[in-house]
Protein backbone atom coordinates (compact mmCIF):
# COMPACT_ATOMS: atom_id res chain seq x y z
CA UNK A 1 0.00 0.00 0.00
CA UNK A 2 2.85 2.41 0.78
CA UNK A 3 4.30 1.98 -2.72
CA UNK A 4 0.97 2.94 -4.30
CA UNK A 5 0.76 5.94 -2.00
CA UNK A 6 4.32 6.96 -2.89
CA UNK A 7 3.50 6.63 -6.59
CA UNK A 8 0.41 8.79 -6.16
CA UNK A 9 2.38 11.44 -4.30
CA UNK A 10 5.11 11.38 -6.96
CA UNK A 11 2.51 11.71 -9.70
CA UNK A 12 0.84 14.65 -7.95
CA UNK A 13 4.22 16.32 -7.48
CA UNK A 14 5.05 15.90 -11.17
CA UNK A 15 1.66 17.37 -12.12
CA UNK A 16 2.24 20.34 -9.81
CA UNK A 17 5.65 20.94 -11.39
CA UNK A 18 4.13 20.88 -14.88
CA UNK A 19 1.38 23.29 -13.86
CA UNK A 20 3.95 25.59 -12.27
CA UNK A 21 6.07 25.59 -15.43
CA UNK A 22 2.99 26.33 -17.55
CA UNK A 23 2.00 29.19 -15.22
CA UNK A 24 5.49 30.67 -15.32
CA UNK A 25 5.44 30.59 -19.13
CA UNK A 26 2.05 32.27 -19.20
CA UNK A 27 3.14 34.97 -16.76
CA UNK A 28 6.35 35.61 -18.70
CA UNK A 29 4.37 36.06 -21.93
CA UNK A 30 2.03 38.51 -20.17
CA UNK A 31 5.06 40.36 -18.81
CA UNK A 32 6.53 40.86 -22.29
CA UNK A 33 3.15 41.93 -23.65
CA UNK A 34 2.73 44.43 -20.84
CA UNK A 35 6.20 45.86 -21.48
CA UNK A 36 5.26 46.35 -25.14
CA UNK A 37 2.03 48.10 -24.16
CA UNK A 38 3.86 50.40 -21.74
CA UNK A 39 6.58 51.20 -24.28
CA UNK A 40 4.04 52.06 -26.97
CA UNK A 41 1.56 53.98 -24.83
CA UNK A 42 0.70 57.27 -26.56
CA UNK A 43 0.97 59.25 -23.33
CA UNK A 44 3.54 57.76 -20.94
CA UNK A 45 3.13 60.65 -18.47
CA UNK A 46 -0.62 60.05 -18.27
CA UNK A 47 0.00 56.33 -17.77
CA UNK A 48 2.46 57.11 -14.95
CA UNK A 49 -0.06 59.45 -13.34
CA UNK A 50 -2.81 56.84 -13.54
CA UNK A 51 -0.49 54.16 -12.16
CA UNK A 52 0.45 56.38 -9.22
CA UNK A 53 -3.24 56.48 -8.25
CA UNK A 54 -4.00 52.82 -8.94
CA UNK A 55 -0.90 51.37 -7.27
CA UNK A 56 -1.87 52.07 -3.64
CA UNK A 57 -5.31 50.56 -4.19
CA UNK A 58 -3.85 47.46 -5.83
CA UNK A 59 -1.32 47.04 -3.02
CA UNK A 60 -4.02 47.48 -0.37
CA UNK A 61 -6.43 45.09 -2.06
CA UNK A 62 -4.01 42.28 -2.85
CA UNK A 63 -1.00 42.74 -0.60
CA UNK A 64 -0.48 41.62 2.96
CA UNK A 65 -3.54 39.37 3.25
CA UNK A 66 -3.42 37.15 6.32
CA UNK A 67 -4.24 34.03 4.32
CA UNK A 68 -1.43 34.47 1.79
CA UNK A 69 2.08 33.15 2.27
CA UNK A 70 4.88 35.69 2.72
CA UNK A 71 6.48 34.57 -0.55
CA UNK A 72 3.36 35.68 -2.44
CA UNK A 73 3.47 39.11 -0.83
CA UNK A 74 7.20 39.53 -1.49
CA UNK A 75 6.85 38.50 -5.13
CA UNK A 76 3.74 40.64 -5.58
CA UNK A 77 5.51 43.72 -4.19
CA UNK A 78 8.56 43.01 -6.36
CA UNK A 79 6.37 42.79 -9.48
CA UNK A 80 4.55 46.01 -8.63
CA UNK A 81 7.88 47.74 -8.08
CA UNK A 82 9.18 46.50 -11.43
CA UNK A 83 6.05 47.71 -13.20
CA UNK A 84 6.33 51.08 -11.49
CA UNK A 85 9.94 51.46 -12.60
CA UNK A 86 9.08 50.48 -16.15
CA UNK A 87 6.14 52.89 -16.34
CA UNK A 88 8.10 55.75 -14.82
CA UNK A 89 11.04 55.01 -17.10
CA UNK A 90 8.80 55.31 -20.16
CA UNK A 91 7.45 58.64 -18.85
CA UNK A 92 10.97 59.92 -18.15
CA UNK A 93 12.18 58.94 -21.62
CA UNK A 94 9.20 60.66 -23.24
CA UNK A 95 9.87 63.81 -21.18
CA UNK A 96 13.52 63.71 -22.26
CA UNK A 97 12.51 63.47 -25.92
CA UNK A 98 10.05 66.35 -25.48
CA UNK A 99 12.75 68.53 -23.90
CA UNK A 100 15.18 67.75 -26.73
CA UNK A 101 12.61 68.60 -29.44
C-alpha atoms as a PDB file:
ATOM      1  CA  UNK A   1       0.000   0.000   0.000  1.00  0.00           C
ATOM      2  CA  UNK A   2       2.851   2.406   0.776  1.00  0.00           C
ATOM      3  CA  UNK A   3       4.297   1.984  -2.722  1.00  0.00           C
ATOM      4  CA  UNK A   4       0.973   2.939  -4.303  1.00  0.00           C
ATOM      5  CA  UNK A   5       0.757   5.940  -2.000  1.00  0.00           C
ATOM      6  CA  UNK A   6       4.319   6.958  -2.886  1.00  0.00           C
ATOM      7  CA  UNK A   7       3.500   6.630  -6.594  1.00  0.00           C
ATOM      8  CA  UNK A   8       0.413   8.789  -6.157  1.00  0.00           C
ATOM      9  CA  UNK A   9       2.385  11.436  -4.302  1.00  0.00           C
ATOM     10  CA  UNK A  10       5.110  11.383  -6.961  1.00  0.00           C
ATOM     11  CA  UNK A  11       2.506  11.706  -9.703  1.00  0.00           C
ATOM     12  CA  UNK A  12       0.839  14.645  -7.950  1.00  0.00           C
ATOM     13  CA  UNK A  13       4.224  16.320  -7.484  1.00  0.00           C
ATOM     14  CA  UNK A  14       5.055  15.901 -11.170  1.00  0.00           C
ATOM     15  CA  UNK A  15       1.657  17.374 -12.120  1.00  0.00           C
ATOM     16  CA  UNK A  16       2.242  20.338  -9.807  1.00  0.00           C
ATOM     17  CA  UNK A  17       5.652  20.939 -11.390  1.00  0.00           C
ATOM     18  CA  UNK A  18       4.127  20.875 -14.880  1.00  0.00           C
ATOM     19  CA  UNK A  19       1.380  23.291 -13.857  1.00  0.00           C
ATOM     20  CA  UNK A  20       3.951  25.588 -12.270  1.00  0.00           C
ATOM     21  CA  UNK A  21       6.073  25.590 -15.429  1.00  0.00           C
ATOM     22  CA  UNK A  22       2.987  26.333 -17.546  1.00  0.00           C
ATOM     23  CA  UNK A  23       1.997  29.192 -15.217  1.00  0.00           C
ATOM     24  CA  UNK A  24       5.489  30.670 -15.321  1.00  0.00           C
ATOM     25  CA  UNK A  25       5.441  30.591 -19.131  1.00  0.00           C
ATOM     26  CA  UNK A  26       2.046  32.270 -19.202  1.00  0.00           C
ATOM     27  CA  UNK A  27       3.143  34.971 -16.756  1.00  0.00           C
ATOM     28  CA  UNK A  28       6.353  35.606 -18.701  1.00  0.00           C
ATOM     29  CA  UNK A  29       4.369  36.055 -21.932  1.00  0.00           C
ATOM     30  CA  UNK A  30       2.034  38.509 -20.175  1.00  0.00           C
ATOM     31  CA  UNK A  31       5.062  40.359 -18.814  1.00  0.00           C
ATOM     32  CA  UNK A  32       6.529  40.857 -22.290  1.00  0.00           C
ATOM     33  CA  UNK A  33       3.146  41.927 -23.646  1.00  0.00           C
ATOM     34  CA  UNK A  34       2.733  44.435 -20.837  1.00  0.00           C
ATOM     35  CA  UNK A  35       6.200  45.862 -21.478  1.00  0.00           C
ATOM     36  CA  UNK A  36       5.261  46.349 -25.137  1.00  0.00           C
ATOM     37  CA  UNK A  37       2.032  48.099 -24.161  1.00  0.00           C
ATOM     38  CA  UNK A  38       3.856  50.399 -21.742  1.00  0.00           C
ATOM     39  CA  UNK A  39       6.580  51.204 -24.276  1.00  0.00           C
ATOM     40  CA  UNK A  40       4.039  52.064 -26.974  1.00  0.00           C
ATOM     41  CA  UNK A  41       1.563  53.983 -24.834  1.00  0.00           C
ATOM     42  CA  UNK A  42       0.705  57.272 -26.562  1.00  0.00           C
ATOM     43  CA  UNK A  43       0.970  59.253 -23.326  1.00  0.00           C
ATOM     44  CA  UNK A  44       3.541  57.758 -20.939  1.00  0.00           C
ATOM     45  CA  UNK A  45       3.131  60.646 -18.472  1.00  0.00           C
ATOM     46  CA  UNK A  46      -0.625  60.050 -18.268  1.00  0.00           C
ATOM     47  CA  UNK A  47       0.001  56.334 -17.766  1.00  0.00           C
ATOM     48  CA  UNK A  48       2.460  57.105 -14.948  1.00  0.00           C
ATOM     49  CA  UNK A  49      -0.064  59.453 -13.340  1.00  0.00           C
ATOM     50  CA  UNK A  50      -2.811  56.840 -13.537  1.00  0.00           C
ATOM     51  CA  UNK A  51      -0.487  54.156 -12.156  1.00  0.00           C
ATOM     52  CA  UNK A  52       0.449  56.378  -9.218  1.00  0.00           C
ATOM     53  CA  UNK A  53      -3.235  56.480  -8.254  1.00  0.00           C
ATOM     54  CA  UNK A  54      -3.999  52.821  -8.940  1.00  0.00           C
ATOM     55  CA  UNK A  55      -0.898  51.371  -7.273  1.00  0.00           C
ATOM     56  CA  UNK A  56      -1.866  52.071  -3.639  1.00  0.00           C
ATOM     57  CA  UNK A  57      -5.305  50.563  -4.193  1.00  0.00           C
ATOM     58  CA  UNK A  58      -3.846  47.455  -5.826  1.00  0.00           C
ATOM     59  CA  UNK A  59      -1.322  47.041  -3.022  1.00  0.00           C
ATOM     60  CA  UNK A  60      -4.021  47.480  -0.371  1.00  0.00           C
ATOM     61  CA  UNK A  61      -6.425  45.087  -2.061  1.00  0.00           C
ATOM     62  CA  UNK A  62      -4.008  42.277  -2.849  1.00  0.00           C
ATOM     63  CA  UNK A  63      -1.003  42.735  -0.600  1.00  0.00           C
ATOM     64  CA  UNK A  64      -0.485  41.620   2.960  1.00  0.00           C
ATOM     65  CA  UNK A  65      -3.535  39.374   3.246  1.00  0.00           C
ATOM     66  CA  UNK A  66      -3.417  37.152   6.316  1.00  0.00           C
ATOM     67  CA  UNK A  67      -4.237  34.029   4.320  1.00  0.00           C
ATOM     68  CA  UNK A  68      -1.427  34.473   1.793  1.00  0.00           C
ATOM     69  CA  UNK A  69       2.077  33.152   2.272  1.00  0.00           C
ATOM     70  CA  UNK A  70       4.885  35.695   2.723  1.00  0.00           C
ATOM     71  CA  UNK A  71       6.481  34.572  -0.549  1.00  0.00           C
ATOM     72  CA  UNK A  72       3.357  35.681  -2.443  1.00  0.00           C
ATOM     73  CA  UNK A  73       3.472  39.107  -0.830  1.00  0.00           C
ATOM     74  CA  UNK A  74       7.196  39.528  -1.492  1.00  0.00           C
ATOM     75  CA  UNK A  75       6.853  38.504  -5.130  1.00  0.00           C
ATOM     76  CA  UNK A  76       3.736  40.636  -5.581  1.00  0.00           C
ATOM     77  CA  UNK A  77       5.511  43.718  -4.187  1.00  0.00           C
ATOM     78  CA  UNK A  78       8.557  43.008  -6.364  1.00  0.00           C
ATOM     79  CA  UNK A  79       6.366  42.787  -9.482  1.00  0.00           C
ATOM     80  CA  UNK A  80       4.551  46.015  -8.631  1.00  0.00           C
ATOM     81  CA  UNK A  81       7.880  47.740  -8.084  1.00  0.00           C
ATOM     82  CA  UNK A  82       9.176  46.501 -11.429  1.00  0.00           C
ATOM     83  CA  UNK A  83       6.054  47.707 -13.200  1.00  0.00           C
ATOM     84  CA  UNK A  84       6.330  51.076 -11.487  1.00  0.00           C
ATOM     85  CA  UNK A  85       9.942  51.464 -12.599  1.00  0.00           C
ATOM     86  CA  UNK A  86       9.079  50.480 -16.154  1.00  0.00           C
ATOM     87  CA  UNK A  87       6.136  52.887 -16.342  1.00  0.00           C
ATOM     88  CA  UNK A  88       8.100  55.754 -14.819  1.00  0.00           C
ATOM     89  CA  UNK A  89      11.041  55.014 -17.096  1.00  0.00           C
ATOM     90  CA  UNK A  90       8.804  55.305 -20.155  1.00  0.00           C
ATOM     91  CA  UNK A  91       7.452  58.639 -18.848  1.00  0.00           C
ATOM     92  CA  UNK A  92      10.967  59.922 -18.147  1.00  0.00           C
ATOM     93  CA  UNK A  93      12.179  58.941 -21.619  1.00  0.00           C
ATOM     94  CA  UNK A  94       9.199  60.665 -23.237  1.00  0.00           C
ATOM     95  CA  UNK A  95       9.871  63.808 -21.183  1.00  0.00           C
ATOM     96  CA  UNK A  96      13.524  63.714 -22.259  1.00  0.00           C
ATOM     97  CA  UNK A  97      12.510  63.475 -25.918  1.00  0.00           C
ATOM     98  CA  UNK A  98      10.053  66.346 -25.475  1.00  0.00           C
ATOM     99  CA  UNK A  99      12.746  68.535 -23.902  1.00  0.00           C
ATOM    100  CA  UNK A 100      15.181  67.753 -26.726  1.00  0.00           C
ATOM    101  CA  UNK A 101      12.611  68.598 -29.436  1.00  0.00           C
END
